[in-house]
Amino acid sequence: MQESSKPLSAPATRKRSWSTRAVAATLAAGLVVGLVACKPAEPESKGTPASLRLLTEQQYLNTLSYVFGPNMKPTTRFSALPRTDGLLASGAAMAGLTDTQLEMYQKTAAKVATQIISEDSRAYLIPCTPKASNAADADCARSFVTETAPLLYRRALPAERIEALVTQANEAADALHSFYDGLGVVIEGMLLSPNMLLVAEVAEPDPEQPGTERLDSWSLATRLSLFLWNASPDAELLAAAESGSLQTRKGLAREVDRMLASPRLEDGVRALFDDMFEFENFGVLTKDGTIYPSFTGETAVDAREQTLRTVVDHLVTRRGDYRDLFTTRQTFMSQSLAPIYKVAAQGPGWTPYEFPPDSPYAGLLTQVSFQALHSHPGRSSATLRGKALREVMLCQVVPKPPANVDFSAVQNPDGNVKTARERIAFHLKNPSCAGCHRITDPMGLPMESFDGAGQFRHQENGVDIDTSGNLDGVEFTDVIGLGKALHDNPQLPWCAVRRTFAYATGTPSDSNNRRVLEFLSERFTDSGYQLPDLLREIALSSAFRKVYEKPVRKLHPLPDLKSARLPEPMTSSLSAPLVPKL
C-alpha cells in the first residue's frame, strides 16, 4: 500500500514555542529581571485510532522468550505483513489472517507446548510438580495458568477464566492419562488464542478530559512494551497497569524510565530500525554469484546485523546524534563482510571497526546493507538507491514508473553507453520518465562508486565514475558529501520523528497529529537528536495514550475472545480428543 501522495513534510521553518516569564526581585543592589525558558506545552490531540492488529513475528517470538526463557526459539516463519506508510508496524493493523497463517501459528504453538512439557524443560518452566504424572492435578495446573496466562494475554484474567482453563487442563489430562499432556493442550490453545495473536486496543473515557477517550491500562501497557521492547509487557508493567498507577503521570514516567534503562531497549531499537529500513527484504535478497562471488548468504545476514549493531551502539550505547549515523566511520566488522569492504578480518565474531579518514566508507548509506539491498542481483541501481533515500530516510513519495517504460538502455551496460550516468541520461529523454528520475537520480548516482554488492569501485566498464550530485539543491562531489548533505537536511530528523511516532502507535501518520509531530520534532532537536529522548517524549505524550474509535475491520473469522477453539480441522498435536476453550 502506497503512502499518501501528499505526505507530511518537515515545516519550512522551525518555530520555537518557548514561553518566557519575567521574574523580578528587588535586591539590595537593585532590580534584576530575568527570562526563564520553559518547556513548551504539548499541543492538543485526539490521539490515534484504537487498533486491532497482529503481533509481528518477532514480537511473538520475543514474548515466548520472555515468558518461557531464551531457549524458546521455534523456527516456524510467519507470513510477511503488508507495509503501510513505510512501516510493517502500521501494516499489522491492515493484515488479514489466512488459513495458511493459522496453520503456521498452530505448528509453532505445538512445538512450544511440546518443549515446555518435555522432561528436559518441565522442571524449570512449570512451577510445580503434580501429585501424579498420569492424572489431573488442579492445583498444579492452576499455579501454571495463573502465572502464565496474564503474560500471554497481556492483561489480568478474572478468576472464572482461570478456572475454565484449569478445568480444560484437567479434562485433557484425564482423557490422555497424563498431567503434562493435558497441560500441553491448554498451552497450545493459549498460544493460538486471539488474546495472544491479536492486539485489540480497548478505549475508556478519559477522566482528565471528559468527552475524550484513552487506552485502558492493559492496552497502554501493551502499546508501551511493543514500542520500547518489541515484546509483550513484563510482570512489573502489568502490575502497574493492574494497580492503575500506569494511568498517572508519575507512574507512567516511572515505567517508561525503567524500560528505557533496561537492556531490552536494544531489542526495541533494533526492531524499530529493522522496520524503518525495510530489512525484511533481506529474506529475499539474491546476488549473482558469478558477478559477486564474495557475496554469500552469510554476507547478507551480516550486512543486516552490521547496520543494526551500528544503530544500537551509536544511538543507545553512545547516545549519539541521530544525524551522525549518516557520517560516522565507526561500525562493526565480521569475517564475511571484510572481503566486501576489502579490509582485514579481525577474527571470528563481531569486532568494533573504524574506517580511516581517507576511506570511501562513512555512514549508513555506504554500508553493504543499503547498497546491496537497493540494487539488482547483477548490477547496481542509482534509481533504486535514490528512491530508497527519498522514501526510507526522508519519508517522501516517489511515483511508480509508467507501465510502458522502455528499460532496455538502462539495463544494457554492454551497449554504447558504459556508465549508469550515461544510461540514465539517455533514459531521461523520455518525458514520462524525466520527472521521477530527477527526484531520485541526483542522489543515487553518487552511490555508483559502489557496485551491486556494496564493493567500492572507481570505474564502471573501464570508464571513470562521475560521483557528483545534489540533494535538494546542496551539491557535492562524492558519496561522503551525500552523507553530509543528508545529515544537514531538515527532512531527515523530521522523517525519523514521523516514522517513530507511527511505529509507536501502530497507525499511519495523518494530518490529525501534524502539530504533535511538529512538537516532537522540536523536542528532538532540543535534545541534540538523541533517540532515547525522542522515545521518552513519545511514550509520555498524551497523543500516545489518547485514542478515538473507528469501525473495527473484519479479519479472517477467528473464534471470539471468550470461547476460542483450535481452528478446525486442526487438533492438538498432543492427540487430545477434545479441543480447549480459551
Protein backbone atom coordinates (compact mmCIF):
# COMPACT_ATOMS: atom_id res chain seq x y z
CA MET A 1 0.00 0.00 0.00
CA GLN A 2 1.49 3.35 -1.01
CA GLU A 3 1.79 6.37 1.15
CA SER A 4 -0.40 9.36 0.56
CA SER A 5 0.52 11.41 -2.48
CA LYS A 6 0.71 14.42 -0.15
CA PRO A 7 2.97 13.22 2.64
CA LEU A 8 3.56 15.16 5.80
CA SER A 9 6.84 17.02 5.46
CA ALA A 10 9.12 18.99 7.70
CA PRO A 11 7.99 22.51 8.50
CA ALA A 12 9.54 25.05 6.16
CA THR A 13 10.84 26.99 9.14
CA ARG A 14 11.25 25.81 12.69
CA LYS A 15 9.16 27.86 15.08
CA ARG A 16 10.33 27.59 18.66
CA SER A 17 7.40 27.79 21.03
CA TRP A 18 9.40 28.94 24.04
CA SER A 19 7.29 30.69 26.62
CA THR A 20 9.02 33.24 28.85
CA ARG A 21 8.07 34.94 32.02
CA ALA A 22 9.58 37.95 33.70
CA VAL A 23 10.94 37.15 37.11
CA ALA A 24 11.55 40.32 39.08
CA ALA A 25 13.05 40.55 42.52
CA THR A 26 14.11 43.63 44.40
CA LEU A 27 17.59 43.16 45.76
CA ALA A 28 19.70 45.39 47.92
CA ALA A 29 21.88 46.16 44.94
CA GLY A 30 18.99 46.86 42.62
CA LEU A 31 16.41 45.24 40.41
CA VAL A 32 17.16 42.09 38.41
CA VAL A 33 14.81 40.96 35.68
CA GLY A 34 15.35 37.56 34.07
CA LEU A 35 13.72 35.48 31.49
CA VAL A 36 13.34 31.80 32.25
CA ALA A 37 12.82 29.41 29.39
CA CYS A 38 10.04 26.88 29.97
CA LYS A 39 9.33 23.63 28.25
CA PRO A 40 6.69 24.24 25.57
CA ALA A 41 3.33 22.65 26.18
CA GLU A 42 2.30 19.68 24.07
CA PRO A 43 -0.43 20.65 21.60
CA GLU A 44 -3.84 19.10 22.00
CA SER A 45 -4.54 15.94 20.02
CA LYS A 46 -7.35 13.44 19.80
CA GLY A 47 -4.70 10.74 19.58
CA THR A 48 -4.73 7.82 17.19
CA PRO A 49 -7.34 5.23 16.25
CA ALA A 50 -7.72 2.30 18.62
CA SER A 51 -6.47 -0.57 16.50
CA LEU A 52 -6.79 -4.30 16.10
CA ARG A 53 -3.51 -5.68 14.81
CA LEU A 54 -1.48 -8.84 14.60
CA LEU A 55 1.63 -9.35 16.64
CA THR A 56 4.62 -9.34 14.33
CA GLU A 57 6.70 -12.48 14.09
CA GLN A 58 9.47 -11.02 16.24
CA GLN A 59 7.03 -9.70 18.85
CA TYR A 60 5.53 -13.18 19.10
CA LEU A 61 8.96 -14.79 19.45
CA ASN A 62 10.19 -12.17 21.94
CA THR A 63 7.12 -12.80 24.07
CA LEU A 64 7.79 -16.54 24.08
CA SER A 65 11.39 -15.85 25.05
CA TYR A 66 10.37 -13.66 27.99
CA VAL A 67 7.63 -15.96 29.28
CA PHE A 68 9.35 -19.31 28.75
CA GLY A 69 13.05 -18.44 28.57
CA PRO A 70 15.63 -17.56 25.89
CA ASN A 71 15.88 -21.16 24.68
CA MET A 72 12.31 -20.97 23.39
CA LYS A 73 13.08 -20.22 19.74
CA PRO A 74 10.76 -22.09 17.36
CA THR A 75 11.92 -21.98 13.76
CA THR A 76 8.49 -21.63 12.12
CA ARG A 77 8.25 -18.50 9.94
CA PHE A 78 5.09 -16.43 9.69
CA SER A 79 3.75 -14.75 6.57
CA ALA A 80 5.02 -11.26 5.81
CA LEU A 81 2.88 -8.33 6.91
CA PRO A 82 1.89 -5.57 4.49
CA ARG A 83 3.89 -2.35 4.63
CA THR A 84 1.75 0.75 5.21
CA ASP A 85 3.00 4.34 5.44
CA GLY A 86 6.53 2.97 5.25
CA LEU A 87 6.17 0.56 8.19
CA LEU A 88 5.23 -3.04 8.86
CA ALA A 89 4.11 -1.88 12.31
CA SER A 90 1.36 0.15 10.63
CA GLY A 91 0.62 -2.64 8.18
CA ALA A 92 -0.06 -5.04 11.06
CA ALA A 93 -3.34 -3.20 11.55
CA MET A 94 -4.23 -3.89 7.92
CA ALA A 95 -3.26 -7.56 7.85
CA GLY A 96 -5.71 -10.37 7.35
CA LEU A 97 -5.34 -13.85 8.77
CA THR A 98 -5.48 -16.72 6.32
CA ASP A 99 -5.85 -20.45 6.83
CA THR A 100 -2.19 -20.85 5.91
CA GLN A 101 -1.16 -18.35 8.58
CA LEU A 102 -3.32 -20.08 11.16
CA GLU A 103 -1.64 -23.36 10.29
CA MET A 104 1.79 -21.79 10.84
CA TYR A 105 0.68 -20.45 14.22
CA GLN A 106 -0.66 -23.89 15.12
CA LYS A 107 2.63 -25.57 14.23
CA THR A 108 4.54 -23.06 16.31
CA ALA A 109 2.19 -23.46 19.27
CA ALA A 110 2.53 -27.23 19.07
CA LYS A 111 6.34 -27.03 19.09
CA VAL A 112 6.36 -24.67 22.06
CA ALA A 113 3.85 -26.72 24.07
CA THR A 114 5.79 -29.91 23.43
CA GLN A 115 9.04 -28.27 24.54
CA ILE A 116 7.53 -26.84 27.73
CA ILE A 117 6.15 -30.18 28.95
CA SER A 118 9.20 -32.19 27.90
CA GLU A 119 11.16 -33.91 30.64
CA ASP A 120 14.12 -31.62 29.96
CA SER A 121 12.11 -28.41 30.41
CA ARG A 122 9.22 -29.04 32.78
CA ALA A 123 11.34 -28.76 35.93
CA TYR A 124 12.11 -25.06 35.32
CA LEU A 125 9.16 -23.98 33.15
CA ILE A 126 6.33 -25.47 35.20
CA PRO A 127 6.35 -24.04 38.76
CA CYS A 128 5.08 -27.20 40.46
CA THR A 129 5.14 -30.98 40.36
CA PRO A 130 1.83 -32.84 40.03
CA LYS A 131 0.85 -35.39 42.64
CA ALA A 132 0.86 -38.00 39.89
CA SER A 133 2.11 -37.55 36.34
CA ASN A 134 -0.62 -39.79 34.87
CA ALA A 135 -3.61 -37.88 36.24
CA ALA A 136 -5.06 -34.40 36.55
CA ASP A 137 -3.83 -32.05 39.27
CA ALA A 138 -5.97 -28.94 39.52
CA ASP A 139 -3.69 -27.13 41.98
CA CYS A 140 -0.58 -27.53 39.83
CA ALA A 141 -2.45 -26.62 36.65
CA ARG A 142 -3.87 -23.56 38.40
CA SER A 143 -0.40 -22.47 39.50
CA PHE A 144 0.90 -22.63 35.93
CA VAL A 145 -2.11 -20.95 34.32
CA THR A 146 -2.28 -18.17 36.93
CA GLU A 147 1.36 -17.29 36.29
CA THR A 148 1.41 -17.73 32.51
CA ALA A 149 -1.94 -16.68 31.06
CA PRO A 150 -1.71 -12.96 32.02
CA LEU A 151 1.74 -12.73 30.42
CA LEU A 152 0.49 -14.27 27.17
CA TYR A 153 -2.83 -12.39 27.12
CA ARG A 154 -1.25 -9.10 28.28
CA ARG A 155 -3.86 -8.49 30.96
CA ALA A 156 -5.18 -9.95 34.21
CA LEU A 157 -7.74 -12.72 33.89
CA PRO A 158 -10.78 -12.96 36.18
CA ALA A 159 -10.93 -15.98 38.47
CA GLU A 160 -13.61 -17.69 36.40
CA ARG A 161 -11.42 -17.57 33.29
CA ILE A 162 -8.51 -19.08 35.19
CA GLU A 163 -10.77 -21.83 36.48
CA ALA A 164 -12.08 -22.52 32.97
CA LEU A 165 -8.51 -23.12 31.80
CA VAL A 166 -7.81 -25.34 34.80
CA THR A 167 -10.92 -27.38 34.05
CA GLN A 168 -9.80 -27.84 30.45
CA ALA A 169 -6.36 -28.97 31.60
CA ASN A 170 -7.97 -31.48 33.95
CA GLU A 171 -10.30 -32.85 31.28
CA ALA A 172 -7.44 -33.21 28.81
CA ALA A 173 -5.24 -34.88 31.45
CA ASP A 174 -7.95 -37.40 32.28
CA ALA A 175 -8.52 -38.17 28.61
CA LEU A 176 -4.80 -38.54 27.84
CA HIS A 177 -3.86 -40.15 31.17
CA SER A 178 -1.11 -37.56 31.55
CA PHE A 179 -0.99 -34.34 33.55
CA TYR A 180 1.69 -32.91 31.28
CA ASP A 181 -0.05 -33.78 28.02
CA GLY A 182 -3.24 -32.24 29.39
CA LEU A 183 -1.41 -29.06 30.32
CA GLY A 184 0.22 -29.07 26.88
CA VAL A 185 -3.20 -28.96 25.23
CA VAL A 186 -4.06 -25.83 27.20
CA ILE A 187 -0.68 -24.23 26.45
CA GLU A 188 -1.15 -24.86 22.74
CA GLY A 189 -4.61 -23.37 22.88
CA MET A 190 -3.46 -20.26 24.75
CA LEU A 191 -0.78 -19.65 22.13
CA LEU A 192 -3.45 -19.87 19.42
CA SER A 193 -5.95 -17.66 21.20
CA PRO A 194 -6.87 -14.29 19.66
CA ASN A 195 -5.93 -12.89 23.08
CA MET A 196 -2.35 -13.85 22.25
CA LEU A 197 -2.18 -13.34 18.48
CA LEU A 198 -4.10 -10.07 18.24
CA VAL A 199 -3.50 -6.73 19.92
CA ALA A 200 -7.04 -5.49 20.48
CA GLU A 201 -6.75 -1.98 21.90
CA VAL A 202 -9.56 -1.04 24.28
CA ALA A 203 -10.62 2.55 24.87
CA GLU A 204 -12.12 4.03 28.01
CA PRO A 205 -13.35 7.53 28.95
CA ASP A 206 -10.54 9.85 29.95
CA PRO A 207 -11.44 11.31 33.38
CA GLU A 208 -8.96 14.15 32.90
CA GLN A 209 -10.61 15.28 29.67
CA PRO A 210 -14.34 14.49 29.63
CA GLY A 211 -15.63 13.68 26.18
CA THR A 212 -12.37 12.09 25.07
CA GLU A 213 -11.05 8.55 25.33
CA ARG A 214 -7.76 6.96 26.27
CA LEU A 215 -6.30 3.47 26.15
CA ASP A 216 -7.25 1.36 29.13
CA SER A 217 -4.37 0.37 31.41
CA TRP A 218 -3.79 -3.01 29.77
CA SER A 219 -3.80 -1.58 26.25
CA LEU A 220 -1.45 1.21 27.32
CA ALA A 221 0.95 -1.32 28.84
CA THR A 222 0.89 -3.36 25.64
CA ARG A 223 1.40 -0.37 23.33
CA LEU A 224 4.26 0.82 25.52
CA SER A 225 6.00 -2.56 25.65
CA LEU A 226 5.66 -3.28 21.94
CA PHE A 227 7.09 0.17 21.25
CA LEU A 228 10.10 0.11 23.57
CA TRP A 229 10.85 -3.63 23.85
CA ASN A 230 9.11 -5.17 20.83
CA ALA A 231 7.52 -7.72 23.16
CA SER A 232 4.50 -8.15 25.41
CA PRO A 233 4.56 -6.42 28.83
CA ASP A 234 6.57 -7.94 31.64
CA ALA A 235 5.10 -8.75 35.05
CA GLU A 236 6.15 -5.39 36.53
CA LEU A 237 4.47 -3.39 33.77
CA LEU A 238 1.31 -5.48 34.07
CA ALA A 239 1.32 -4.85 37.82
CA ALA A 240 1.46 -1.10 37.16
CA ALA A 241 -1.47 -1.49 34.78
CA GLU A 242 -3.49 -3.50 37.30
CA SER A 243 -2.85 -1.02 40.13
CA GLY A 244 -3.85 1.92 37.96
CA SER A 245 -0.54 3.72 38.51
CA LEU A 246 0.25 3.47 34.80
CA GLN A 247 -2.54 5.96 34.13
CA THR A 248 -0.89 8.58 36.35
CA ARG A 249 1.82 10.89 35.06
CA LYS A 250 4.25 9.84 37.77
CA GLY A 251 3.54 6.14 37.38
CA LEU A 252 3.83 6.23 33.60
CA ALA A 253 7.11 8.16 33.76
CA ARG A 254 8.48 5.65 36.26
CA GLU A 255 7.72 2.71 33.97
CA VAL A 256 8.98 4.47 30.84
CA ASP A 257 12.27 5.34 32.54
CA ARG A 258 12.63 1.77 33.82
CA MET A 259 12.08 0.39 30.34
CA LEU A 260 14.48 2.87 28.73
CA ALA A 261 17.16 1.82 31.24
CA SER A 262 16.64 -1.88 30.54
CA PRO A 263 18.95 -3.87 28.23
CA ARG A 264 15.74 -4.90 26.45
CA LEU A 265 15.60 -1.41 24.93
CA GLU A 266 18.17 -2.64 22.43
CA ASP A 267 15.62 -5.16 21.13
CA GLY A 268 13.11 -2.36 20.67
CA VAL A 269 15.53 -0.07 18.85
CA ARG A 270 16.69 -2.90 16.60
CA ALA A 271 13.08 -3.67 15.71
CA LEU A 272 12.29 -0.01 15.02
CA PHE A 273 15.15 0.42 12.56
CA ASP A 274 14.77 -3.03 11.06
CA ASP A 275 11.24 -1.92 10.17
CA MET A 276 12.15 1.62 9.09
CA PHE A 277 14.96 0.40 6.85
CA GLU A 278 12.80 -2.33 5.26
CA PHE A 279 15.26 -5.03 6.28
CA GLU A 280 12.67 -7.78 5.92
CA ASN A 281 13.71 -7.66 2.24
CA PHE A 282 16.97 -9.34 3.18
CA GLY A 283 14.88 -12.50 3.33
CA VAL A 284 14.52 -12.43 -0.46
CA LEU A 285 17.81 -10.72 -1.39
CA THR A 286 19.84 -12.58 -4.01
CA LYS A 287 23.04 -11.77 -5.87
CA ASP A 288 24.53 -13.31 -9.00
CA GLY A 289 27.37 -15.45 -7.68
CA THR A 290 29.29 -15.27 -10.95
CA ILE A 291 29.40 -11.47 -10.73
CA TYR A 292 29.71 -11.13 -6.96
CA PRO A 293 31.40 -14.32 -5.69
CA SER A 294 32.25 -12.71 -2.33
CA PHE A 295 28.59 -12.01 -1.58
CA THR A 296 27.06 -15.07 0.10
CA GLY A 297 24.02 -15.79 2.21
CA GLU A 298 26.15 -15.19 5.28
CA THR A 299 27.16 -11.82 3.86
CA ALA A 300 23.52 -10.77 3.58
CA VAL A 301 22.79 -11.82 7.18
CA ASP A 302 25.86 -9.97 8.44
CA ALA A 303 25.11 -6.84 6.38
CA ARG A 304 21.78 -6.51 8.14
CA GLU A 305 23.36 -7.20 11.52
CA GLN A 306 26.18 -4.71 10.95
CA THR A 307 23.79 -1.84 10.42
CA LEU A 308 21.61 -2.74 13.40
CA ARG A 309 24.68 -3.04 15.62
CA THR A 310 25.87 0.34 14.38
CA VAL A 311 22.49 1.91 15.13
CA VAL A 312 22.24 0.49 18.66
CA ASP A 313 25.85 1.34 19.51
CA HIS A 314 25.58 4.90 18.23
CA LEU A 315 22.08 5.79 19.44
CA VAL A 316 21.70 3.76 22.65
CA THR A 317 25.18 2.98 23.96
CA ARG A 318 26.83 6.27 22.97
CA ARG A 319 23.63 8.37 22.95
CA GLY A 320 24.82 9.99 19.75
CA ASP A 321 23.17 12.46 17.40
CA TYR A 322 20.77 10.59 15.09
CA ARG A 323 22.02 12.53 12.08
CA ASP A 324 25.59 11.34 12.68
CA LEU A 325 24.53 7.83 11.66
CA PHE A 326 24.99 9.06 8.10
CA THR A 327 28.54 10.33 8.58
CA THR A 328 30.08 8.11 11.27
CA ARG A 329 33.04 5.91 10.40
CA GLN A 330 32.52 3.70 13.46
CA THR A 331 30.88 0.34 12.89
CA PHE A 332 31.45 -3.40 13.41
CA MET A 333 33.10 -5.94 11.15
CA SER A 334 32.69 -9.67 10.60
CA GLN A 335 34.70 -12.20 8.63
CA SER A 336 32.08 -12.44 5.88
CA LEU A 337 31.91 -8.65 5.40
CA ALA A 338 35.66 -8.00 5.43
CA PRO A 339 36.19 -9.12 1.78
CA ILE A 340 33.37 -6.84 0.61
CA TYR A 341 34.92 -3.84 2.36
CA LYS A 342 38.41 -5.01 1.34
CA VAL A 343 39.72 -4.86 4.90
CA ALA A 344 41.47 -7.45 7.05
CA ALA A 345 39.20 -9.57 9.22
CA GLN A 346 39.83 -9.04 12.93
CA GLY A 347 38.96 -12.59 13.97
CA PRO A 348 35.78 -14.60 14.49
CA GLY A 349 32.56 -12.92 15.55
CA TRP A 350 31.96 -9.18 15.58
CA THR A 351 34.65 -6.63 16.36
CA PRO A 352 34.45 -2.82 16.53
CA TYR A 353 35.90 -1.20 13.44
CA GLU A 354 36.56 2.40 12.41
CA PHE A 355 37.22 3.31 8.80
CA PRO A 356 40.16 5.71 8.32
CA PRO A 357 39.54 9.35 7.29
CA ASP A 358 40.50 8.69 3.67
CA SER A 359 38.15 5.71 3.33
CA PRO A 360 35.14 5.94 0.99
CA TYR A 361 33.06 4.34 3.75
CA ALA A 362 31.29 6.70 6.15
CA GLY A 363 27.71 6.45 7.37
CA LEU A 364 24.86 4.05 6.77
CA LEU A 365 24.49 4.94 3.10
CA THR A 366 27.91 3.43 2.39
CA GLN A 367 27.28 0.21 4.30
CA VAL A 368 26.70 -3.02 2.41
CA SER A 369 23.15 -3.24 3.75
CA PHE A 370 21.95 -0.12 1.92
CA GLN A 371 23.99 -0.57 -1.24
CA ALA A 372 23.25 -4.28 -1.76
CA LEU A 373 19.61 -4.15 -0.71
CA HIS A 374 18.81 -1.38 -3.19
CA SER A 375 20.48 -2.94 -6.23
CA HIS A 376 19.64 -5.61 -8.76
CA PRO A 377 21.01 -9.18 -8.49
CA GLY A 378 23.72 -8.48 -11.06
CA ARG A 379 24.23 -4.72 -11.10
CA SER A 380 23.89 -1.54 -9.11
CA SER A 381 20.96 0.85 -9.45
CA ALA A 382 21.24 4.59 -8.96
CA THR A 383 17.47 4.87 -9.26
CA LEU A 384 16.66 2.25 -6.61
CA ARG A 385 19.19 3.80 -4.24
CA GLY A 386 17.92 7.32 -4.78
CA LYS A 387 14.35 6.13 -4.38
CA ALA A 388 15.23 4.40 -1.11
CA LEU A 389 16.96 7.50 0.20
CA ARG A 390 13.89 9.60 -0.60
CA GLU A 391 11.32 7.16 0.76
CA VAL A 392 13.12 5.47 3.65
CA MET A 393 15.26 8.28 5.03
CA LEU A 394 13.20 11.34 4.09
CA CYS A 395 9.61 9.98 4.12
CA GLN A 396 8.97 11.29 0.61
CA VAL A 397 6.93 9.56 -2.07
CA VAL A 398 8.44 8.61 -5.41
CA PRO A 399 5.77 7.74 -8.00
CA LYS A 400 5.84 4.36 -9.68
CA PRO A 401 7.18 4.26 -13.26
CA PRO A 402 4.68 4.25 -16.13
CA ALA A 403 3.70 0.82 -17.39
CA ASN A 404 5.11 1.44 -20.88
CA VAL A 405 8.67 2.45 -19.92
CA ASP A 406 11.47 1.10 -22.14
CA PHE A 407 14.23 -0.05 -19.75
CA SER A 408 16.48 -1.51 -22.46
CA ALA A 409 19.02 1.34 -22.42
CA VAL A 410 19.37 1.29 -18.65
CA GLN A 411 19.55 -2.49 -18.43
CA ASN A 412 22.26 -2.89 -21.09
CA PRO A 413 25.65 -1.94 -19.58
CA ASP A 414 27.39 -3.55 -22.57
CA GLY A 415 25.81 -1.16 -25.04
CA ASN A 416 27.18 2.10 -26.42
CA VAL A 417 26.81 3.90 -23.08
CA LYS A 418 29.09 2.49 -20.38
CA THR A 419 28.18 4.15 -17.09
CA ALA A 420 24.94 4.43 -15.18
CA ARG A 421 25.04 8.21 -15.52
CA GLU A 422 25.21 7.93 -19.31
CA ARG A 423 22.49 5.30 -19.43
CA ILE A 424 20.17 7.32 -17.24
CA ALA A 425 20.83 10.48 -19.29
CA PHE A 426 19.72 8.52 -22.34
CA HIS A 427 16.73 7.25 -20.38
CA LEU A 428 15.73 10.79 -19.34
CA LYS A 429 14.98 11.68 -22.93
CA ASN A 430 11.60 10.05 -22.33
CA PRO A 431 9.43 12.86 -20.88
CA SER A 432 7.28 10.39 -18.96
CA CYS A 433 10.38 9.26 -17.04
CA ALA A 434 12.20 12.53 -16.51
CA GLY A 435 10.06 13.83 -13.65
CA CYS A 436 10.62 10.87 -11.34
CA HIS A 437 14.27 10.38 -12.22
CA ARG A 438 15.07 13.98 -11.39
CA ILE A 439 13.79 13.18 -7.90
CA THR A 440 15.89 10.05 -7.39
CA ASP A 441 18.97 10.09 -9.60
CA PRO A 442 20.89 13.19 -8.44
CA MET A 443 21.41 11.50 -5.06
CA GLY A 444 21.52 7.95 -6.42
CA LEU A 445 24.32 8.49 -8.95
CA PRO A 446 26.97 9.44 -6.33
CA MET A 447 26.44 5.96 -4.87
CA GLU A 448 27.53 4.39 -8.17
CA SER A 449 31.00 4.23 -6.62
CA PHE A 450 29.62 1.03 -5.06
CA ASP A 451 28.67 -1.98 -7.15
CA GLY A 452 25.59 -4.12 -6.63
CA ALA A 453 27.21 -5.93 -3.70
CA GLY A 454 28.36 -2.75 -1.97
CA GLN A 455 32.00 -3.04 -3.06
CA PHE A 456 33.81 0.23 -3.74
CA ARG A 457 34.96 0.91 -7.30
CA HIS A 458 36.44 3.80 -9.29
CA GLN A 459 35.32 2.67 -12.74
CA GLU A 460 32.41 1.02 -14.49
CA ASN A 461 33.16 -0.83 -17.72
CA GLY A 462 36.59 0.84 -17.87
CA VAL A 463 35.19 4.37 -17.56
CA ASP A 464 35.76 6.61 -14.53
CA ILE A 465 32.59 7.09 -12.50
CA ASP A 466 31.34 10.65 -12.02
CA THR A 467 30.12 10.71 -8.39
CA SER A 468 28.91 14.31 -8.27
CA GLY A 469 25.34 15.06 -7.34
CA ASN A 470 22.99 17.19 -5.31
CA LEU A 471 20.36 16.74 -2.65
CA ASP A 472 17.63 19.36 -2.61
CA GLY A 473 19.98 21.99 -4.02
CA VAL A 474 23.04 21.04 -1.97
CA GLU A 475 25.82 19.97 -4.33
CA PHE A 476 28.63 17.53 -3.51
CA THR A 477 31.33 15.58 -5.29
CA ASP A 478 31.02 12.08 -3.82
CA VAL A 479 29.04 9.80 -1.53
CA ILE A 480 30.78 11.23 1.56
CA GLY A 481 29.38 14.61 0.59
CA LEU A 482 25.97 13.00 0.09
CA GLY A 483 26.08 11.71 3.66
CA LYS A 484 26.92 15.18 4.95
CA ALA A 485 24.13 16.75 2.89
CA LEU A 486 21.67 14.19 4.24
CA HIS A 487 22.94 14.86 7.77
CA ASP A 488 22.10 18.55 7.36
CA ASN A 489 18.76 18.06 5.60
CA PRO A 490 15.90 19.06 7.98
CA GLN A 491 13.70 16.37 6.46
CA LEU A 492 15.95 13.63 7.91
CA PRO A 493 15.13 14.11 11.63
CA TRP A 494 11.56 15.05 10.76
CA CYS A 495 11.16 11.71 8.99
CA ALA A 496 12.65 9.88 11.97
CA VAL A 497 10.09 11.53 14.26
CA ARG A 498 7.20 10.74 11.95
CA ARG A 499 8.20 7.10 11.50
CA THR A 500 8.91 6.58 15.19
CA PHE A 501 5.54 8.00 16.23
CA ALA A 502 3.71 5.84 13.68
CA TYR A 503 5.70 2.81 14.82
CA ALA A 504 4.89 3.57 18.46
CA THR A 505 1.15 3.80 17.89
CA GLY A 506 0.86 1.14 15.20
CA THR A 507 -1.10 3.52 12.99
CA PRO A 508 -0.13 5.52 9.88
CA SER A 509 0.66 9.20 10.29
CA ASP A 510 -2.11 11.57 9.35
CA SER A 511 -2.87 15.27 9.43
CA ASN A 512 -4.66 14.95 12.80
CA ASN A 513 -1.28 14.75 14.51
CA ARG A 514 0.62 17.29 12.43
CA ARG A 515 1.01 19.68 15.37
CA VAL A 516 2.06 16.82 17.65
CA LEU A 517 4.73 15.76 15.17
CA GLU A 518 5.99 19.34 14.95
CA PHE A 519 6.18 19.47 18.75
CA LEU A 520 8.03 16.15 18.94
CA SER A 521 10.38 17.26 16.17
CA GLU A 522 11.17 20.42 18.10
CA ARG A 523 11.85 18.44 21.27
CA PHE A 524 14.04 16.03 19.27
CA THR A 525 16.09 18.97 18.02
CA ASP A 526 16.41 20.42 21.51
CA SER A 527 17.73 17.09 22.81
CA GLY A 528 20.56 17.06 20.30
CA TYR A 529 18.71 14.49 18.19
CA GLN A 530 19.09 11.78 20.83
CA LEU A 531 16.81 8.82 20.16
CA PRO A 532 16.18 7.78 23.80
CA ASP A 533 14.86 11.28 24.49
CA LEU A 534 12.54 11.04 21.48
CA LEU A 535 11.27 7.64 22.63
CA ARG A 536 10.55 9.10 26.07
CA GLU A 537 8.77 12.15 24.67
CA ILE A 538 6.51 9.96 22.54
CA ALA A 539 5.76 7.47 25.32
CA LEU A 540 4.81 10.24 27.75
CA SER A 541 2.79 12.27 25.25
CA SER A 542 -0.98 12.45 25.51
CA ALA A 543 -1.15 11.62 21.78
CA PHE A 544 0.39 8.22 22.58
CA ARG A 545 -2.27 7.44 25.21
CA LYS A 546 -5.35 9.06 23.70
CA VAL A 547 -7.43 7.17 21.14
CA TYR A 548 -10.61 7.52 19.20
CA GLU A 549 -12.73 4.65 17.99
CA LYS A 550 -13.09 3.68 14.39
CA PRO A 551 -15.04 0.81 12.81
CA VAL A 552 -13.20 -2.44 13.52
CA ARG A 553 -12.40 -4.18 10.26
CA LYS A 554 -13.03 -7.88 9.98
CA LEU A 555 -10.08 -10.24 9.87
CA HIS A 556 -10.20 -13.90 8.97
CA PRO A 557 -13.10 -15.18 11.13
CA LEU A 558 -11.41 -16.08 14.41
CA PRO A 559 -13.11 -17.50 17.48
CA ASP A 560 -14.38 -14.88 19.87
CA LEU A 561 -12.14 -13.91 22.77
CA LYS A 562 -14.17 -15.82 25.35
CA SER A 563 -14.57 -19.15 23.64
CA ALA A 564 -11.62 -19.58 21.30
CA ARG A 565 -11.02 -23.05 19.96
CA LEU A 566 -8.24 -24.60 18.00
CA PRO A 567 -9.02 -23.95 14.31
CA GLU A 568 -10.88 -26.79 12.64
CA PRO A 569 -9.96 -29.25 11.26
CA MET A 570 -6.75 -28.88 13.29
CA THR A 571 -6.48 -30.82 16.53
CA SER A 572 -3.91 -30.67 19.25
CA SER A 573 -0.58 -32.14 18.25
CA LEU A 574 -0.72 -33.95 21.56
CA SER A 575 -3.63 -36.04 20.24
CA ALA A 576 -6.18 -34.82 22.73
CA PRO A 577 -9.71 -35.96 21.87
CA LEU A 578 -11.07 -32.59 22.96
CA VAL A 579 -10.40 -29.01 21.96
CA PRO A 580 -9.81 -26.45 24.71
CA LYS A 581 -11.92 -23.35 25.13
CA LEU A 582 -9.62 -20.40 25.58
